[in-house]
């Protein structure tokens, strides 16, 4: 995941199945946070474009802190650092549980835990898409 730290997300994103079930912090969609369940295209619009569009340079510097792989699951703890358009820091922590399809080797399910209050702050205090 090192390329993500440089804003190069394609290697990671290309490993995600288009029909992924991407769960973020809750089953209920809340556009002010955002939480909910998304497929890949929905995630790009509801989460990626909206959050990254409110960060200077349009990305955050990601650092993987720990990875554990158990069977077809990977447990990833990461941190992201960026500056919001309003000048305030956006330093978030993430825990991703990635589920891989044995045949395609694609990520077919993601359970993502984030600091939702911080994400809500980014969306509510910065102009963006």
C-alpha atoms as a PDB file:
ATOM      1  CA  UNK A   1       0.000   0.000   0.000  1.00  0.00           C
ATOM      2  CA  UNK A   2       3.014   2.316  -0.070  1.00  0.00           C
ATOM      3  CA  UNK A   3       1.877   3.962  -3.335  1.00  0.00           C
ATOM      4  CA  UNK A   4      -1.229   5.223  -1.491  1.00  0.00           C
ATOM      5  CA  UNK A   5       1.067   7.329   0.657  1.00  0.00           C
ATOM      6  CA  UNK A   6       2.115   9.144  -2.476  1.00  0.00           C
ATOM      7  CA  UNK A   7      -1.437   9.629  -3.716  1.00  0.00           C
ATOM      8  CA  UNK A   8      -1.167   6.677  -6.109  1.00  0.00           C
ATOM      9  CA  UNK A   9      -4.226   4.631  -5.270  1.00  0.00           C
ATOM     10  CA  UNK A  10      -4.574   2.643  -8.499  1.00  0.00           C
ATOM     11  CA  UNK A  11      -2.742  -0.542  -7.387  1.00  0.00           C
ATOM     12  CA  UNK A  12      -4.983  -0.858  -4.326  1.00  0.00           C
ATOM     13  CA  UNK A  13      -8.181   0.280  -6.042  1.00  0.00           C
ATOM     14  CA  UNK A  14      -7.666  -2.071  -9.000  1.00  0.00           C
ATOM     15  CA  UNK A  15      -7.707  -5.012  -6.582  1.00  0.00           C
ATOM     16  CA  UNK A  16     -11.294  -4.189  -5.531  1.00  0.00           C
ATOM     17  CA  UNK A  17     -14.178  -5.965  -7.269  1.00  0.00           C
ATOM     18  CA  UNK A  18     -16.711  -3.558  -8.862  1.00  0.00           C
ATOM     19  CA  UNK A  19     -19.539  -5.172  -6.895  1.00  0.00           C
ATOM     20  CA  UNK A  20     -17.638  -5.019  -3.592  1.00  0.00           C
ATOM     21  CA  UNK A  21     -19.732  -4.635  -0.470  1.00  0.00           C
ATOM     22  CA  UNK A  22     -17.975  -1.671   1.178  1.00  0.00           C
ATOM     23  CA  UNK A  23     -19.341  -1.134   4.693  1.00  0.00           C
ATOM     24  CA  UNK A  24     -18.275   2.057   6.467  1.00  0.00           C
ATOM     25  CA  UNK A  25     -19.002   2.323  10.211  1.00  0.00           C
ATOM     26  CA  UNK A  26     -22.739   1.524   9.928  1.00  0.00           C
ATOM     27  CA  UNK A  27     -25.370  -0.080   7.729  1.00  0.00           C
ATOM     28  CA  UNK A  28     -27.210   3.252   7.524  1.00  0.00           C
ATOM     29  CA  UNK A  29     -26.112   5.746   4.934  1.00  0.00           C
ATOM     30  CA  UNK A  30     -25.515   9.197   6.355  1.00  0.00           C
ATOM     31  CA  UNK A  31     -24.250  11.627   3.714  1.00  0.00           C
ATOM     32  CA  UNK A  32     -22.987  14.010   6.402  1.00  0.00           C
ATOM     33  CA  UNK A  33     -20.377  11.495   7.596  1.00  0.00           C
ATOM     34  CA  UNK A  34     -20.496   9.317   5.203  1.00  0.00           C
ATOM     35  CA  UNK A  35     -21.411   5.935   6.573  1.00  0.00           C
ATOM     36  CA  UNK A  36     -23.296   3.080   4.966  1.00  0.00           C
ATOM     37  CA  UNK A  37     -22.857   0.293   2.482  1.00  0.00           C
ATOM     38  CA  UNK A  38     -21.577   1.024  -1.027  1.00  0.00           C
ATOM     39  CA  UNK A  39     -20.414  -0.747  -4.148  1.00  0.00           C
ATOM     40  CA  UNK A  40     -17.202   0.546  -5.742  1.00  0.00           C
ATOM     41  CA  UNK A  41     -18.809   3.173  -8.011  1.00  0.00           C
ATOM     42  CA  UNK A  42     -21.001   4.453  -5.165  1.00  0.00           C
ATOM     43  CA  UNK A  43     -17.982   4.668  -2.852  1.00  0.00           C
ATOM     44  CA  UNK A  44     -16.073   6.734  -5.402  1.00  0.00           C
ATOM     45  CA  UNK A  45     -18.854   9.342  -5.569  1.00  0.00           C
ATOM     46  CA  UNK A  46     -20.173   9.318  -1.999  1.00  0.00           C
ATOM     47  CA  UNK A  47     -16.863   9.045  -0.190  1.00  0.00           C
ATOM     48  CA  UNK A  48     -13.703   9.407  -2.255  1.00  0.00           C
ATOM     49  CA  UNK A  49     -14.649  12.402  -4.418  1.00  0.00           C
ATOM     50  CA  UNK A  50     -16.374  14.231  -1.573  1.00  0.00           C
ATOM     51  CA  UNK A  51     -13.688  13.775   1.085  1.00  0.00           C
ATOM     52  CA  UNK A  52     -10.569  14.040  -1.094  1.00  0.00           C
ATOM     53  CA  UNK A  53     -12.070  17.080  -2.835  1.00  0.00           C
ATOM     54  CA  UNK A  54     -11.890  18.884   0.499  1.00  0.00           C
ATOM     55  CA  UNK A  55      -8.213  18.124   1.111  1.00  0.00           C
ATOM     56  CA  UNK A  56      -5.239  20.092  -0.166  1.00  0.00           C
ATOM     57  CA  UNK A  57      -3.560  18.184  -3.007  1.00  0.00           C
ATOM     58  CA  UNK A  58      -6.693  15.992  -3.282  1.00  0.00           C
ATOM     59  CA  UNK A  59      -5.291  13.070  -1.275  1.00  0.00           C
ATOM     60  CA  UNK A  60      -3.967  12.053   2.081  1.00  0.00           C
ATOM     61  CA  UNK A  61      -0.592  10.551   2.861  1.00  0.00           C
ATOM     62  CA  UNK A  62      -1.344   7.003   3.932  1.00  0.00           C
ATOM     63  CA  UNK A  63       0.828   4.819   6.077  1.00  0.00           C
ATOM     64  CA  UNK A  64       0.061   1.190   6.815  1.00  0.00           C
ATOM     65  CA  UNK A  65       0.791   0.493  10.458  1.00  0.00           C
ATOM     66  CA  UNK A  66       0.013  -3.210  10.562  1.00  0.00           C
ATOM     67  CA  UNK A  67      -1.298  -6.004   8.335  1.00  0.00           C
ATOM     68  CA  UNK A  68      -2.376  -9.452   9.438  1.00  0.00           C
ATOM     69  CA  UNK A  69      -3.578 -12.015   6.906  1.00  0.00           C
ATOM     70  CA  UNK A  70      -5.729 -14.900   8.070  1.00  0.00           C
ATOM     71  CA  UNK A  71      -7.001 -17.136   5.293  1.00  0.00           C
ATOM     72  CA  UNK A  72      -8.913 -14.989   2.793  1.00  0.00           C
ATOM     73  CA  UNK A  73      -9.010 -11.950   5.139  1.00  0.00           C
ATOM     74  CA  UNK A  74      -6.544  -9.133   5.651  1.00  0.00           C
ATOM     75  CA  UNK A  75      -6.735  -6.884   8.687  1.00  0.00           C
ATOM     76  CA  UNK A  76      -5.159  -3.524   7.909  1.00  0.00           C
ATOM     77  CA  UNK A  77      -4.524  -0.717  10.384  1.00  0.00           C
ATOM     78  CA  UNK A  78      -3.519   2.540   8.726  1.00  0.00           C
ATOM     79  CA  UNK A  79      -3.285   6.243   9.290  1.00  0.00           C
ATOM     80  CA  UNK A  80      -3.835   9.063   6.869  1.00  0.00           C
ATOM     81  CA  UNK A  81      -2.544  12.594   7.146  1.00  0.00           C
ATOM     82  CA  UNK A  82      -3.619  15.570   5.094  1.00  0.00           C
ATOM     83  CA  UNK A  83      -4.500  19.226   5.359  1.00  0.00           C
ATOM     84  CA  UNK A  84      -8.081  20.297   4.863  1.00  0.00           C
ATOM     85  CA  UNK A  85      -8.815  23.156   2.480  1.00  0.00           C
ATOM     86  CA  UNK A  86      -9.553  25.298   5.550  1.00  0.00           C
ATOM     87  CA  UNK A  87      -5.991  24.693   6.799  1.00  0.00           C
ATOM     88  CA  UNK A  88      -6.886  22.335   9.637  1.00  0.00           C
ATOM     89  CA  UNK A  89      -5.260  18.890   9.863  1.00  0.00           C
ATOM     90  CA  UNK A  90      -7.093  15.763   8.772  1.00  0.00           C
ATOM     91  CA  UNK A  91      -5.237  12.996  10.571  1.00  0.00           C
ATOM     92  CA  UNK A  92      -7.469   9.948  10.559  1.00  0.00           C
ATOM     93  CA  UNK A  93      -6.988   6.328  11.594  1.00  0.00           C
ATOM     94  CA  UNK A  94      -8.467   3.430   9.674  1.00  0.00           C
ATOM     95  CA  UNK A  95      -9.085  -0.228  10.259  1.00  0.00           C
ATOM     96  CA  UNK A  96      -9.982  -2.162   7.134  1.00  0.00           C
ATOM     97  CA  UNK A  97     -10.996  -5.779   7.137  1.00  0.00           C
ATOM     98  CA  UNK A  98     -10.593  -6.954   3.555  1.00  0.00           C
ATOM     99  CA  UNK A  99     -12.248 -10.144   2.319  1.00  0.00           C
ATOM    100  CA  UNK A 100     -10.719 -11.713  -0.807  1.00  0.00           C
ATOM    101  CA  UNK A 101     -12.383 -14.000  -3.307  1.00  0.00           C
ATOM    102  CA  UNK A 102     -10.321 -17.165  -3.539  1.00  0.00           C
ATOM    103  CA  UNK A 103     -10.816 -17.512  -7.292  1.00  0.00           C
ATOM    104  CA  UNK A 104     -10.489 -13.935  -8.586  1.00  0.00           C
ATOM    105  CA  UNK A 105      -8.163 -12.725  -5.789  1.00  0.00           C
ATOM    106  CA  UNK A 106     -10.200  -9.490  -5.772  1.00  0.00           C
ATOM    107  CA  UNK A 107     -11.443  -7.747  -2.639  1.00  0.00           C
ATOM    108  CA  UNK A 108     -15.160  -8.536  -2.499  1.00  0.00           C
ATOM    109  CA  UNK A 109     -16.022  -7.113   0.908  1.00  0.00           C
ATOM    110  CA  UNK A 110     -14.577  -4.305   3.026  1.00  0.00           C
ATOM    111  CA  UNK A 111     -15.465  -3.393   6.587  1.00  0.00           C
ATOM    112  CA  UNK A 112     -14.019   0.051   7.290  1.00  0.00           C
ATOM    113  CA  UNK A 113     -13.794   1.704  10.679  1.00  0.00           C
ATOM    114  CA  UNK A 114     -12.850   5.384  10.768  1.00  0.00           C
ATOM    115  CA  UNK A 115     -13.042   8.460  12.986  1.00  0.00           C
ATOM    116  CA  UNK A 116     -16.480   9.493  11.722  1.00  0.00           C
ATOM    117  CA  UNK A 117     -16.637  12.781  13.687  1.00  0.00           C
ATOM    118  CA  UNK A 118     -13.435  13.959  12.005  1.00  0.00           C
ATOM    119  CA  UNK A 119     -14.716  12.958   8.590  1.00  0.00           C
ATOM    120  CA  UNK A 120     -17.968  14.815   9.282  1.00  0.00           C
ATOM    121  CA  UNK A 121     -15.923  17.907  10.190  1.00  0.00           C
ATOM    122  CA  UNK A 122     -14.081  17.758   6.859  1.00  0.00           C
ATOM    123  CA  UNK A 123     -17.356  17.548   4.935  1.00  0.00           C
ATOM    124  CA  UNK A 124     -19.112  20.284   6.891  1.00  0.00           C
ATOM    125  CA  UNK A 125     -16.335  22.895   7.192  1.00  0.00           C
ATOM    126  CA  UNK A 126     -14.779  22.810   3.719  1.00  0.00           C
ATOM    127  CA  UNK A 127     -16.303  23.706   0.374  1.00  0.00           C
ATOM    128  CA  UNK A 128     -16.096  20.899  -2.116  1.00  0.00           C
ATOM    129  CA  UNK A 129     -17.848  18.624  -4.555  1.00  0.00           C
END
